[in-house]
Amino acid sequence: MKKGQNIICINGDFHPDLRKFFGKLPMKDVVYKVREVRGFNAESGVLLEEIKNKAILLSHYGGYLEPAFSQDRFLVCGMDYVEVDRVEVDIKKKHIIQSN
């Protein structure tokens, strides 16, 4: 994934306690735009244009950072992006392009 790409959330199941850390969470079947890609060791995460959360202390990553969402929760989407708060999409294989 890279900055500016449109991605669709394929896994919006979060443990309820994560809301304390994230505040706002992505929802399944909604298209988002990548704001930033972060890589920490073997894990990579994305920040989304539509969701901005407060920075929290992540001492094992060197201080205060906005928590990123795992890239495993998203697929790159071939659809044109529409700037609205939420975009409901009908998931069909022809609309989704998965890349590594």
N, C-alpha and C. Protein backbone atom coordinates (compact mmCIF):
# COMPACT_ATOMS: atom_id res chain seq x y z
N MET A 1 0.85 -1.17 0.00
CA MET A 1 0.00 0.00 0.00
C MET A 1 0.89 1.23 0.00
N LYS A 2 0.35 2.31 -0.57
CA LYS A 2 1.12 3.54 -0.59
C LYS A 2 0.20 4.74 -0.41
N LYS A 3 0.80 5.84 -0.03
CA LYS A 3 0.06 7.08 0.23
C LYS A 3 -0.78 7.44 -1.00
N GLY A 4 -2.02 7.83 -0.74
CA GLY A 4 -2.92 8.25 -1.80
C GLY A 4 -3.78 7.16 -2.40
N GLN A 5 -3.46 5.89 -2.10
CA GLN A 5 -4.25 4.79 -2.64
C GLN A 5 -5.60 4.69 -1.95
N ASN A 6 -6.58 4.22 -2.70
CA ASN A 6 -7.89 3.92 -2.14
C ASN A 6 -7.87 2.48 -1.67
N ILE A 7 -8.35 2.27 -0.44
CA ILE A 7 -8.38 0.93 0.12
C ILE A 7 -9.75 0.68 0.72
N ILE A 8 -10.13 -0.59 0.76
CA ILE A 8 -11.42 -0.96 1.34
C ILE A 8 -11.16 -1.81 2.57
N CYS A 9 -11.89 -1.53 3.63
CA CYS A 9 -11.74 -2.28 4.87
C CYS A 9 -12.44 -3.63 4.72
N ILE A 10 -11.70 -4.71 4.95
CA ILE A 10 -12.27 -6.05 4.85
C ILE A 10 -12.42 -6.70 6.22
N ASN A 11 -11.91 -6.04 7.25
CA ASN A 11 -12.02 -6.56 8.61
C ASN A 11 -12.21 -5.40 9.58
N GLY A 12 -13.45 -5.16 9.96
CA GLY A 12 -13.77 -4.08 10.88
C GLY A 12 -14.05 -4.58 12.28
N ASP A 13 -13.64 -5.82 12.58
CA ASP A 13 -13.86 -6.39 13.91
C ASP A 13 -12.70 -6.02 14.82
N PHE A 14 -12.98 -5.16 15.79
CA PHE A 14 -11.97 -4.72 16.75
C PHE A 14 -12.44 -5.07 18.16
N HIS A 15 -11.50 -5.42 19.00
CA HIS A 15 -11.81 -5.65 20.41
C HIS A 15 -12.32 -4.33 21.00
N PRO A 16 -13.38 -4.36 21.81
CA PRO A 16 -13.94 -3.11 22.36
C PRO A 16 -12.93 -2.24 23.10
N ASP A 17 -11.92 -2.84 23.72
CA ASP A 17 -10.92 -2.05 24.46
C ASP A 17 -10.05 -1.20 23.54
N LEU A 18 -9.97 -1.55 22.25
CA LEU A 18 -9.14 -0.77 21.33
C LEU A 18 -9.69 0.63 21.10
N ARG A 19 -10.98 0.83 21.33
CA ARG A 19 -11.57 2.15 21.14
C ARG A 19 -10.91 3.18 22.07
N LYS A 20 -10.39 2.71 23.24
CA LYS A 20 -9.68 3.59 24.17
C LYS A 20 -8.42 4.16 23.52
N PHE A 21 -7.75 3.35 22.73
CA PHE A 21 -6.50 3.76 22.12
C PHE A 21 -6.70 4.48 20.80
N PHE A 22 -7.66 4.00 20.01
CA PHE A 22 -7.84 4.55 18.68
C PHE A 22 -8.87 5.67 18.64
N GLY A 23 -9.95 5.55 19.38
CA GLY A 23 -11.03 6.52 19.29
C GLY A 23 -11.95 6.18 18.13
N LYS A 24 -11.49 6.44 16.92
CA LYS A 24 -12.27 6.13 15.71
C LYS A 24 -11.63 4.93 15.02
N LEU A 25 -12.48 4.04 14.52
CA LEU A 25 -11.99 2.82 13.88
C LEU A 25 -12.61 2.67 12.49
N PRO A 26 -11.88 2.05 11.57
CA PRO A 26 -12.47 1.82 10.24
C PRO A 26 -13.59 0.79 10.29
N MET A 27 -14.52 0.91 9.35
CA MET A 27 -15.66 0.00 9.29
C MET A 27 -15.57 -0.86 8.03
N LYS A 28 -15.97 -2.10 8.18
CA LYS A 28 -15.93 -3.04 7.06
C LYS A 28 -16.76 -2.51 5.89
N ASP A 29 -16.26 -2.78 4.68
CA ASP A 29 -16.92 -2.43 3.42
C ASP A 29 -16.94 -0.94 3.12
N VAL A 30 -16.11 -0.17 3.81
CA VAL A 30 -16.01 1.27 3.57
C VAL A 30 -14.67 1.56 2.90
N VAL A 31 -14.69 2.47 1.92
CA VAL A 31 -13.48 2.85 1.19
C VAL A 31 -12.81 4.01 1.92
N TYR A 32 -11.48 3.93 2.06
CA TYR A 32 -10.69 4.97 2.71
C TYR A 32 -9.52 5.33 1.80
N LYS A 33 -8.89 6.45 2.09
CA LYS A 33 -7.70 6.88 1.36
C LYS A 33 -6.50 6.84 2.30
N VAL A 34 -5.40 6.25 1.85
CA VAL A 34 -4.19 6.13 2.68
C VAL A 34 -3.54 7.50 2.84
N ARG A 35 -3.36 7.91 4.09
CA ARG A 35 -2.69 9.17 4.43
C ARG A 35 -1.20 8.95 4.63
N GLU A 36 -0.84 7.81 5.22
CA GLU A 36 0.56 7.50 5.50
C GLU A 36 0.69 6.00 5.71
N VAL A 37 1.84 5.46 5.31
CA VAL A 37 2.15 4.06 5.56
C VAL A 37 3.31 4.03 6.54
N ARG A 38 3.16 3.23 7.58
CA ARG A 38 4.22 3.10 8.59
C ARG A 38 4.67 1.66 8.64
N GLY A 39 5.97 1.47 8.73
CA GLY A 39 6.52 0.13 8.88
C GLY A 39 7.33 0.03 10.14
N PHE A 40 6.99 -0.89 11.00
CA PHE A 40 7.72 -1.14 12.23
C PHE A 40 8.11 -2.61 12.26
N ASN A 41 9.38 -2.88 12.06
CA ASN A 41 9.88 -4.26 12.02
C ASN A 41 9.10 -5.05 10.98
N ALA A 42 8.48 -6.16 11.37
CA ALA A 42 7.74 -6.99 10.42
C ALA A 42 6.31 -6.49 10.23
N GLU A 43 5.89 -5.54 11.05
CA GLU A 43 4.51 -5.06 10.98
C GLU A 43 4.44 -3.75 10.21
N SER A 44 3.39 -3.60 9.41
CA SER A 44 3.14 -2.34 8.72
C SER A 44 1.73 -1.90 9.02
N GLY A 45 1.55 -0.60 9.07
CA GLY A 45 0.23 -0.06 9.34
C GLY A 45 -0.04 1.15 8.47
N VAL A 46 -1.30 1.54 8.42
CA VAL A 46 -1.69 2.70 7.62
C VAL A 46 -2.47 3.68 8.47
N LEU A 47 -2.29 4.96 8.12
CA LEU A 47 -3.13 6.03 8.65
C LEU A 47 -4.07 6.42 7.52
N LEU A 48 -5.29 6.78 7.86
CA LEU A 48 -6.33 7.05 6.88
C LEU A 48 -6.71 8.53 6.86
N GLU A 49 -6.97 9.07 5.67
CA GLU A 49 -7.40 10.47 5.54
C GLU A 49 -8.68 10.73 6.33
N GLU A 50 -9.58 9.78 6.32
CA GLU A 50 -10.91 9.98 6.92
C GLU A 50 -10.94 9.77 8.42
N ILE A 51 -9.90 9.18 8.98
CA ILE A 51 -9.87 8.90 10.42
C ILE A 51 -8.57 9.45 10.98
N LYS A 52 -8.71 10.40 11.90
CA LYS A 52 -7.54 10.98 12.56
C LYS A 52 -7.75 10.83 14.07
N ASN A 53 -6.84 10.10 14.70
CA ASN A 53 -6.91 9.87 16.13
C ASN A 53 -5.77 10.59 16.83
N LYS A 54 -5.92 10.77 18.14
CA LYS A 54 -4.88 11.43 18.93
C LYS A 54 -3.64 10.54 19.04
N ALA A 55 -2.49 11.18 19.14
CA ALA A 55 -1.25 10.44 19.38
C ALA A 55 -1.28 9.88 20.80
N ILE A 56 -0.79 8.67 20.94
CA ILE A 56 -0.69 8.04 22.25
C ILE A 56 0.76 7.62 22.47
N LEU A 57 1.10 7.38 23.73
CA LEU A 57 2.46 6.96 24.05
C LEU A 57 2.67 5.53 23.61
N LEU A 58 3.55 5.36 22.65
CA LEU A 58 3.96 4.03 22.18
C LEU A 58 5.46 3.95 22.41
N SER A 59 5.85 3.73 23.66
CA SER A 59 7.26 3.81 24.04
C SER A 59 8.13 2.83 23.27
N HIS A 60 7.58 1.68 22.91
CA HIS A 60 8.38 0.71 22.15
C HIS A 60 8.63 1.18 20.72
N TYR A 61 7.95 2.26 20.29
CA TYR A 61 8.19 2.85 18.98
C TYR A 61 8.83 4.24 19.09
N GLY A 62 9.21 4.64 20.30
CA GLY A 62 9.97 5.86 20.46
C GLY A 62 9.21 7.11 20.87
N GLY A 63 8.02 6.99 21.41
CA GLY A 63 7.31 8.17 21.89
C GLY A 63 5.85 8.19 21.52
N TYR A 64 5.32 9.41 21.32
CA TYR A 64 3.91 9.60 21.01
C TYR A 64 3.69 9.51 19.50
N LEU A 65 2.79 8.64 19.11
CA LEU A 65 2.42 8.48 17.70
C LEU A 65 0.93 8.22 17.59
N GLU A 66 0.37 8.61 16.47
CA GLU A 66 -1.00 8.21 16.17
C GLU A 66 -0.95 6.72 15.83
N PRO A 67 -1.76 5.89 16.48
CA PRO A 67 -1.73 4.47 16.17
C PRO A 67 -2.20 4.21 14.74
N ALA A 68 -1.53 3.30 14.07
CA ALA A 68 -1.86 2.94 12.69
C ALA A 68 -2.67 1.65 12.68
N PHE A 69 -3.44 1.47 11.62
CA PHE A 69 -4.24 0.26 11.45
C PHE A 69 -3.46 -0.75 10.61
N SER A 70 -3.54 -2.01 10.98
CA SER A 70 -2.83 -3.06 10.26
C SER A 70 -3.26 -3.12 8.80
N GLN A 71 -2.28 -3.23 7.92
CA GLN A 71 -2.59 -3.34 6.49
C GLN A 71 -3.40 -4.59 6.17
N ASP A 72 -3.32 -5.60 7.04
CA ASP A 72 -4.07 -6.83 6.81
C ASP A 72 -5.58 -6.61 6.85
N ARG A 73 -6.03 -5.49 7.38
CA ARG A 73 -7.46 -5.20 7.46
C ARG A 73 -8.02 -4.59 6.17
N PHE A 74 -7.16 -4.37 5.17
CA PHE A 74 -7.57 -3.64 3.96
C PHE A 74 -7.10 -4.33 2.69
N LEU A 75 -7.78 -4.02 1.60
CA LEU A 75 -7.34 -4.39 0.26
C LEU A 75 -7.29 -3.11 -0.57
N VAL A 76 -6.34 -3.05 -1.48
CA VAL A 76 -6.29 -1.92 -2.40
C VAL A 76 -7.52 -2.02 -3.29
N CYS A 77 -8.15 -0.89 -3.51
CA CYS A 77 -9.42 -0.85 -4.23
C CYS A 77 -9.23 -0.14 -5.56
N GLY A 78 -9.79 -0.68 -6.62
CA GLY A 78 -9.68 -0.08 -7.94
C GLY A 78 -10.74 0.96 -8.23
N MET A 79 -11.59 1.27 -7.27
CA MET A 79 -12.67 2.24 -7.49
C MET A 79 -12.16 3.66 -7.40
N ASP A 80 -12.85 4.59 -8.04
CA ASP A 80 -12.56 6.00 -7.84
C ASP A 80 -12.99 6.38 -6.43
N TYR A 81 -12.22 7.24 -5.81
CA TYR A 81 -12.50 7.67 -4.45
C TYR A 81 -13.49 8.83 -4.46
N VAL A 82 -14.45 8.77 -3.56
CA VAL A 82 -15.43 9.84 -3.43
C VAL A 82 -15.24 10.45 -2.05
N GLU A 83 -15.06 11.75 -1.97
CA GLU A 83 -14.80 12.38 -0.68
C GLU A 83 -16.09 12.65 0.07
N VAL A 84 -16.45 11.69 0.90
CA VAL A 84 -17.56 11.81 1.82
C VAL A 84 -17.12 11.13 3.10
N ASP A 85 -17.88 11.30 4.18
CA ASP A 85 -17.49 10.69 5.44
C ASP A 85 -17.45 9.17 5.36
N ARG A 86 -18.44 8.57 4.69
CA ARG A 86 -18.49 7.11 4.54
C ARG A 86 -18.96 6.79 3.13
N VAL A 87 -18.37 5.80 2.57
CA VAL A 87 -18.80 5.33 1.26
C VAL A 87 -19.13 3.86 1.39
N GLU A 88 -20.39 3.51 1.19
CA GLU A 88 -20.79 2.11 1.22
C GLU A 88 -20.49 1.52 -0.15
N VAL A 89 -19.93 0.35 -0.16
CA VAL A 89 -19.59 -0.27 -1.44
C VAL A 89 -20.10 -1.70 -1.49
N ASP A 90 -20.40 -2.12 -2.69
CA ASP A 90 -20.78 -3.50 -2.93
C ASP A 90 -19.50 -4.23 -3.32
N ILE A 91 -19.07 -5.17 -2.49
CA ILE A 91 -17.82 -5.85 -2.75
C ILE A 91 -18.04 -6.93 -3.81
N LYS A 92 -17.33 -6.79 -4.92
CA LYS A 92 -17.32 -7.78 -5.98
C LYS A 92 -15.87 -7.94 -6.39
N LYS A 93 -15.49 -9.14 -6.77
CA LYS A 93 -14.10 -9.39 -7.11
C LYS A 93 -13.60 -8.45 -8.19
N LYS A 94 -14.44 -8.07 -9.12
CA LYS A 94 -13.97 -7.21 -10.21
C LYS A 94 -13.64 -5.80 -9.73
N HIS A 95 -14.10 -5.40 -8.53
CA HIS A 95 -13.83 -4.06 -8.02
C HIS A 95 -12.62 -4.00 -7.11
N ILE A 96 -12.09 -5.16 -6.74
CA ILE A 96 -11.00 -5.18 -5.76
C ILE A 96 -9.74 -5.73 -6.42
N ILE A 97 -8.65 -5.00 -6.24
CA ILE A 97 -7.37 -5.45 -6.73
C ILE A 97 -6.46 -5.57 -5.53
N GLN A 98 -5.98 -6.77 -5.25
CA GLN A 98 -5.11 -6.96 -4.11
C GLN A 98 -3.67 -6.87 -4.58
N SER A 99 -2.89 -6.08 -3.83
CA SER A 99 -1.46 -5.98 -4.13
C SER A 99 -0.67 -6.12 -2.85
N ASN A 100 0.59 -6.45 -2.98
CA ASN A 100 1.45 -6.61 -1.81
C ASN A 100 2.32 -5.40 -1.61
